Amino acid sequence: MLPYISGLMIIIALVIGSAPNLTAALLTNFGYGDFVRGTLEDAEQWFELATRVDNGSFAAWHGLGQVFTKQGTTVFALQAYDRALFLHPDHVQARLDRAKARLLLGDKDGAIRDWETAGSVDALLWLGHQAQADDFEVAELFYQLAVQVAPQDWRGFYYLGAMLKNQMLFDDAEHILLAGLDVSSDNSSILFRLGQTQCAQQHYEDALRSFSRYIELAPDDFRGWYWRGICWEETGALDQASHDFQKAVVLNSDDPNLQIAITRVLELTGGK
């Protein structure tokens, strides 16, 4: 049916030659309709026709790029995105779409330029999450970009610090998490990761301060009490450790680590 419809629309486009923008918009709407329905070949023809009717239609070129991306013809997608961004260089979604196409084609530097220009911290964080499963270096790059793009958004610092901690790069992690606290001083997520990092470095006094502040902010989270108990235990303050472990058990009686910790402290204190 599409060739008949396409032919009809060509006639309409010729008849409405004085209003190519309106005609291209109509064709683009048909294209997005088919795109949403998953009939990609039909969508591709609508978008291509729209670009012939009005070569300056940003929406048509952007739509064409999205179809090509979905079809896996990334080279053609990149060409369409290039044209769309030539027409509308400040369009964030088109720039993010082009960044994805560039990355698929191996142009990491080009993708980074697009992400930086788009300034979308949400996109960078999402990409970092996706990359962590396969490549920590790429994930770290995305999180660093998130910090650069949005230095007042605590999430970039948090995810970068957490990832560095998980890689046992504790000094780097502490530095990043402390920078995150400068942005969001009472952020419980950052405080918890910071406390774990300081504990791993055997900086127990610093960790005690971090976990104590975390407990003030999230008193019903057994993890804060448990980890502060670990720090007390490591410093030899066994009564305080026992108190915190007991508090953690009240909040979560199902965690076997808590019972193990309590038993360990009881053994150290002779059951007192």
Protein backbone atom coordinates (compact mmCIF):
# COMPACT_ATOMS: atom_id res chain seq x y z
CA MET A 1 0.00 0.00 0.00
CA LEU A 2 2.90 2.36 0.71
CA PRO A 3 3.93 3.00 -2.94
CA TYR A 4 0.39 4.19 -3.66
CA ILE A 5 0.39 6.40 -0.57
CA SER A 6 3.87 7.68 -1.34
CA GLY A 7 2.83 8.53 -4.88
CA LEU A 8 -0.22 10.32 -3.57
CA MET A 9 1.87 12.34 -1.16
CA ILE A 10 4.29 13.32 -3.92
CA ILE A 11 1.34 14.72 -5.83
CA ILE A 12 0.18 16.55 -2.73
CA ALA A 13 3.69 17.90 -2.18
CA LEU A 14 3.77 19.21 -5.74
CA VAL A 15 0.34 20.75 -5.43
CA ILE A 16 1.26 22.45 -2.17
CA GLY A 17 4.54 23.68 -3.55
CA SER A 18 4.04 27.01 -1.89
CA ALA A 19 3.99 25.37 1.56
CA PRO A 20 6.78 22.78 1.63
CA ASN A 21 7.24 23.14 5.40
CA LEU A 22 3.66 22.17 6.06
CA THR A 23 3.85 19.23 3.68
CA ALA A 24 7.15 18.00 5.18
CA ALA A 25 5.65 18.21 8.65
CA LEU A 26 2.72 16.08 7.53
CA LEU A 27 5.00 13.49 5.99
CA THR A 28 7.20 13.49 9.09
CA ASN A 29 4.16 12.81 11.25
CA PHE A 30 3.36 9.79 9.09
CA GLY A 31 6.97 8.70 9.49
CA TYR A 32 6.89 8.87 13.27
CA GLY A 33 3.60 7.02 13.29
CA ASP A 34 5.18 4.10 11.44
CA PHE A 35 8.33 4.38 13.55
CA VAL A 36 6.32 3.95 16.75
CA ARG A 37 4.46 1.01 15.24
CA GLY A 38 7.75 -0.61 14.27
CA THR A 39 7.21 -0.54 10.50
CA LEU A 40 10.64 0.89 9.88
CA GLU A 41 10.78 0.57 6.10
CA ASP A 42 7.59 2.60 5.77
CA ALA A 43 8.89 5.15 8.27
CA GLU A 44 12.13 5.46 6.31
CA GLN A 45 10.24 6.24 3.10
CA TRP A 46 8.07 8.88 4.77
CA PHE A 47 11.09 10.63 6.29
CA GLU A 48 13.07 10.49 3.05
CA LEU A 49 10.13 11.94 1.17
CA ALA A 50 9.86 14.71 3.74
CA THR A 51 13.52 15.62 3.24
CA ARG A 52 12.96 15.81 -0.55
CA VAL A 53 9.96 18.08 -0.10
CA ASP A 54 11.81 20.29 2.38
CA ASN A 55 15.56 19.75 2.65
CA GLY A 56 15.59 22.12 5.61
CA SER A 57 13.26 20.02 7.80
CA PHE A 58 15.14 19.25 11.00
CA ALA A 59 12.44 16.84 12.22
CA ALA A 60 12.57 14.81 9.00
CA TRP A 61 16.36 14.43 9.10
CA HIS A 62 16.31 13.60 12.81
CA GLY A 63 13.58 11.03 12.26
CA LEU A 64 15.52 9.51 9.40
CA GLY A 65 18.57 9.19 11.63
CA GLN A 66 16.51 7.45 14.29
CA VAL A 67 15.14 4.98 11.75
CA PHE A 68 18.59 4.20 10.37
CA THR A 69 19.87 3.69 13.93
CA LYS A 70 17.07 1.27 14.67
CA GLN A 71 17.79 -0.57 11.44
CA GLY A 72 21.48 -0.84 12.25
CA THR A 73 22.67 1.28 9.30
CA THR A 74 24.71 3.53 11.55
CA VAL A 75 26.73 5.24 8.81
CA PHE A 76 23.53 6.52 7.20
CA ALA A 77 22.19 7.46 10.62
CA LEU A 78 25.26 9.58 11.30
CA GLN A 79 24.83 11.40 7.98
CA ALA A 80 21.20 12.15 8.81
CA TYR A 81 22.10 13.39 12.31
CA ASP A 82 24.84 15.59 10.84
CA ARG A 83 22.28 17.25 8.59
CA ALA A 84 19.77 17.62 11.43
CA LEU A 85 22.35 19.27 13.70
CA PHE A 86 23.48 21.55 10.90
CA LEU A 87 19.91 22.82 10.86
CA HIS A 88 19.39 22.84 14.63
CA PRO A 89 22.79 22.69 16.42
CA ASP A 90 21.32 23.24 19.89
CA HIS A 91 18.96 20.27 19.87
CA VAL A 92 20.03 18.10 22.83
CA GLN A 93 18.34 14.83 21.84
CA ALA A 94 19.70 14.92 18.29
CA ARG A 95 23.19 15.53 19.65
CA LEU A 96 22.86 12.61 22.07
CA ASP A 97 21.59 10.42 19.24
CA ARG A 98 24.58 11.38 17.12
CA ALA A 99 26.93 10.68 20.02
CA LYS A 100 25.52 7.16 20.23
CA ALA A 101 26.00 6.67 16.48
CA ARG A 102 29.55 7.96 16.69
CA LEU A 103 30.34 5.59 19.55
CA LEU A 104 28.95 2.65 17.57
CA LEU A 105 31.26 3.60 14.71
CA GLY A 106 34.27 3.79 17.01
CA ASP A 107 34.52 7.58 17.11
CA LYS A 108 34.80 7.96 20.89
CA ASP A 109 36.31 11.45 20.71
CA GLY A 110 33.45 12.67 18.51
CA ALA A 111 30.92 11.13 20.88
CA ILE A 112 32.55 12.85 23.85
CA ARG A 113 32.38 16.21 22.09
CA ASP A 114 28.67 15.72 21.50
CA TRP A 115 28.01 14.69 25.10
CA GLU A 116 29.94 17.67 26.43
CA THR A 117 28.09 20.03 24.10
CA ALA A 118 24.72 18.53 24.97
CA GLY A 119 25.47 18.93 28.65
CA SER A 120 23.11 16.11 29.62
CA VAL A 121 24.27 14.70 32.94
CA ASP A 122 21.44 12.15 32.93
CA ALA A 123 22.63 10.71 29.63
CA LEU A 124 26.24 10.54 30.81
CA LEU A 125 25.29 8.80 34.03
CA TRP A 126 23.13 6.32 32.16
CA LEU A 127 25.98 5.57 29.77
CA GLY A 128 28.33 5.14 32.72
CA HIS A 129 25.97 2.62 34.31
CA GLN A 130 25.79 0.67 31.05
CA ALA A 131 29.55 0.67 30.57
CA GLN A 132 30.42 -0.57 34.05
CA ALA A 133 29.51 -4.15 33.18
CA ASP A 134 32.14 -4.31 30.43
CA ASP A 135 34.68 -1.52 30.69
CA PHE A 136 35.55 0.39 33.86
CA GLU A 137 37.73 2.84 31.95
CA VAL A 138 34.83 3.87 29.70
CA ALA A 139 32.50 4.08 32.69
CA GLU A 140 34.98 6.27 34.53
CA LEU A 141 35.20 8.52 31.49
CA PHE A 142 31.42 9.00 31.42
CA TYR A 143 31.27 9.77 35.14
CA GLN A 144 34.15 12.24 34.83
CA LEU A 145 32.31 13.93 31.99
CA ALA A 146 29.18 14.09 34.17
CA VAL A 147 31.20 15.91 36.81
CA GLN A 148 32.61 18.31 34.21
CA VAL A 149 29.25 18.96 32.56
CA ALA A 150 27.31 19.42 35.81
CA PRO A 151 29.75 20.19 38.67
CA GLN A 152 26.85 21.16 40.94
CA ASP A 153 25.14 17.78 40.54
CA TRP A 154 26.24 15.37 43.30
CA ARG A 155 25.42 12.24 41.30
CA GLY A 156 28.50 12.41 39.09
CA PHE A 157 30.77 12.54 42.14
CA TYR A 158 28.84 9.76 43.86
CA TYR A 159 28.90 7.26 41.00
CA LEU A 160 32.50 8.01 40.11
CA GLY A 161 33.57 7.63 43.74
CA ALA A 162 31.56 4.44 44.23
CA MET A 163 33.06 2.89 41.11
CA LEU A 164 36.61 3.79 42.18
CA LYS A 165 35.91 2.33 45.62
CA ASN A 166 34.71 -0.93 44.07
CA GLN A 167 37.97 -1.06 42.14
CA MET A 168 39.80 -0.61 45.46
CA LEU A 169 41.22 2.74 44.35
CA PHE A 170 40.42 4.08 47.78
CA ASP A 171 42.51 7.27 47.79
CA ASP A 172 40.98 8.42 44.50
CA ALA A 173 37.51 7.43 45.67
CA GLU A 174 37.84 9.39 48.91
CA HIS A 175 39.01 12.47 47.03
CA ILE A 176 36.02 12.36 44.65
CA LEU A 177 33.47 11.63 47.40
CA LEU A 178 34.77 14.49 49.52
CA ALA A 179 34.39 16.77 46.50
CA GLY A 180 30.82 15.50 46.24
CA LEU A 181 30.19 16.50 49.86
CA ASP A 182 31.36 20.00 49.02
CA VAL A 183 28.48 20.07 46.53
CA SER A 184 25.90 18.32 48.74
CA SER A 185 27.05 18.45 52.35
CA ASP A 186 24.25 16.37 53.90
CA ASN A 187 24.02 13.75 51.19
CA SER A 188 23.49 10.40 52.87
CA SER A 189 24.43 8.36 49.80
CA ILE A 190 27.82 10.04 49.56
CA LEU A 191 28.41 9.83 53.31
CA PHE A 192 27.78 6.09 53.35
CA ARG A 193 30.19 5.38 50.49
CA LEU A 194 32.73 7.74 52.00
CA GLY A 195 32.55 5.93 55.33
CA GLN A 196 33.10 2.57 53.65
CA THR A 197 36.04 3.98 51.73
CA GLN A 198 37.63 5.45 54.85
CA CYS A 199 37.10 2.20 56.70
CA ALA A 200 38.86 0.30 53.91
CA GLN A 201 41.79 2.73 54.26
CA GLN A 202 41.79 2.08 58.02
CA HIS A 203 41.01 5.76 58.58
CA TYR A 204 38.63 4.77 61.33
CA GLU A 205 38.23 8.14 63.02
CA ASP A 206 37.20 9.70 59.72
CA ALA A 207 34.90 6.77 59.00
CA LEU A 208 33.26 7.10 62.42
CA ARG A 209 32.45 10.72 61.67
CA SER A 210 31.02 9.83 58.25
CA PHE A 211 28.86 6.99 59.59
CA SER A 212 27.72 9.01 62.59
CA ARG A 213 26.48 11.73 60.28
CA TYR A 214 24.89 9.09 58.06
CA ILE A 215 23.03 7.64 61.06
CA GLU A 216 21.72 11.11 61.90
CA LEU A 217 20.31 11.38 58.38
CA ALA A 218 19.12 7.76 58.01
CA PRO A 219 18.60 6.32 61.52
CA ASP A 220 16.43 3.45 60.28
CA ASP A 221 19.04 2.03 57.91
CA PHE A 222 20.75 -0.86 59.71
CA ARG A 223 23.79 -0.53 57.42
CA GLY A 224 24.93 2.70 59.09
CA TRP A 225 24.84 1.12 62.53
CA TYR A 226 26.59 -2.03 61.31
CA TRP A 227 29.43 -0.19 59.61
CA ARG A 228 29.92 2.20 62.48
CA GLY A 229 30.05 -0.86 64.73
CA ILE A 230 32.83 -2.25 62.54
CA CYS A 231 34.77 0.98 62.99
CA TRP A 232 34.26 0.94 66.76
CA GLU A 233 35.44 -2.68 66.85
CA GLU A 234 38.57 -1.87 64.85
CA THR A 235 39.47 0.94 67.26
CA GLY A 236 38.94 -1.31 70.28
CA ALA A 237 35.77 0.42 71.48
CA LEU A 238 33.93 -2.87 71.96
CA ASP A 239 31.05 -1.55 74.08
CA GLN A 240 30.17 0.99 71.40
CA ALA A 241 30.56 -1.70 68.75
CA SER A 242 28.21 -4.04 70.61
CA HIS A 243 25.65 -1.24 70.98
CA ASP A 244 25.69 -0.46 67.25
CA PHE A 245 25.51 -4.11 66.21
CA GLN A 246 22.56 -4.65 68.54
CA LYS A 247 20.85 -1.61 67.06
CA ALA A 248 21.44 -2.97 63.57
CA VAL A 249 19.88 -6.33 64.54
CA VAL A 250 16.73 -4.59 65.79
CA LEU A 251 16.41 -2.91 62.39
CA ASN A 252 17.21 -6.03 60.38
CA SER A 253 17.17 -9.37 62.18
CA ASP A 254 17.57 -11.38 58.99
CA ASP A 255 21.14 -10.41 58.15
CA PRO A 256 23.51 -13.20 59.31
CA ASN A 257 26.48 -10.82 59.29
CA LEU A 258 24.99 -8.96 62.22
CA GLN A 259 24.74 -12.03 64.42
CA ILE A 260 28.30 -12.98 63.46
CA ALA A 261 29.50 -9.50 64.44
CA ILE A 262 27.71 -9.64 67.81
CA THR A 263 29.14 -13.09 68.54
CA ARG A 264 32.60 -11.89 67.61
CA VAL A 265 32.41 -8.92 69.98
CA LEU A 266 31.03 -11.11 72.79
CA GLU A 267 33.98 -13.43 72.38
CA LEU A 268 36.39 -10.51 72.55
CA THR A 269 34.78 -9.18 75.71
CA GLY A 270 34.43 -12.58 77.35
CA GLY A 271 30.66 -12.56 76.95
CA LYS A 272 30.13 -9.38 78.95
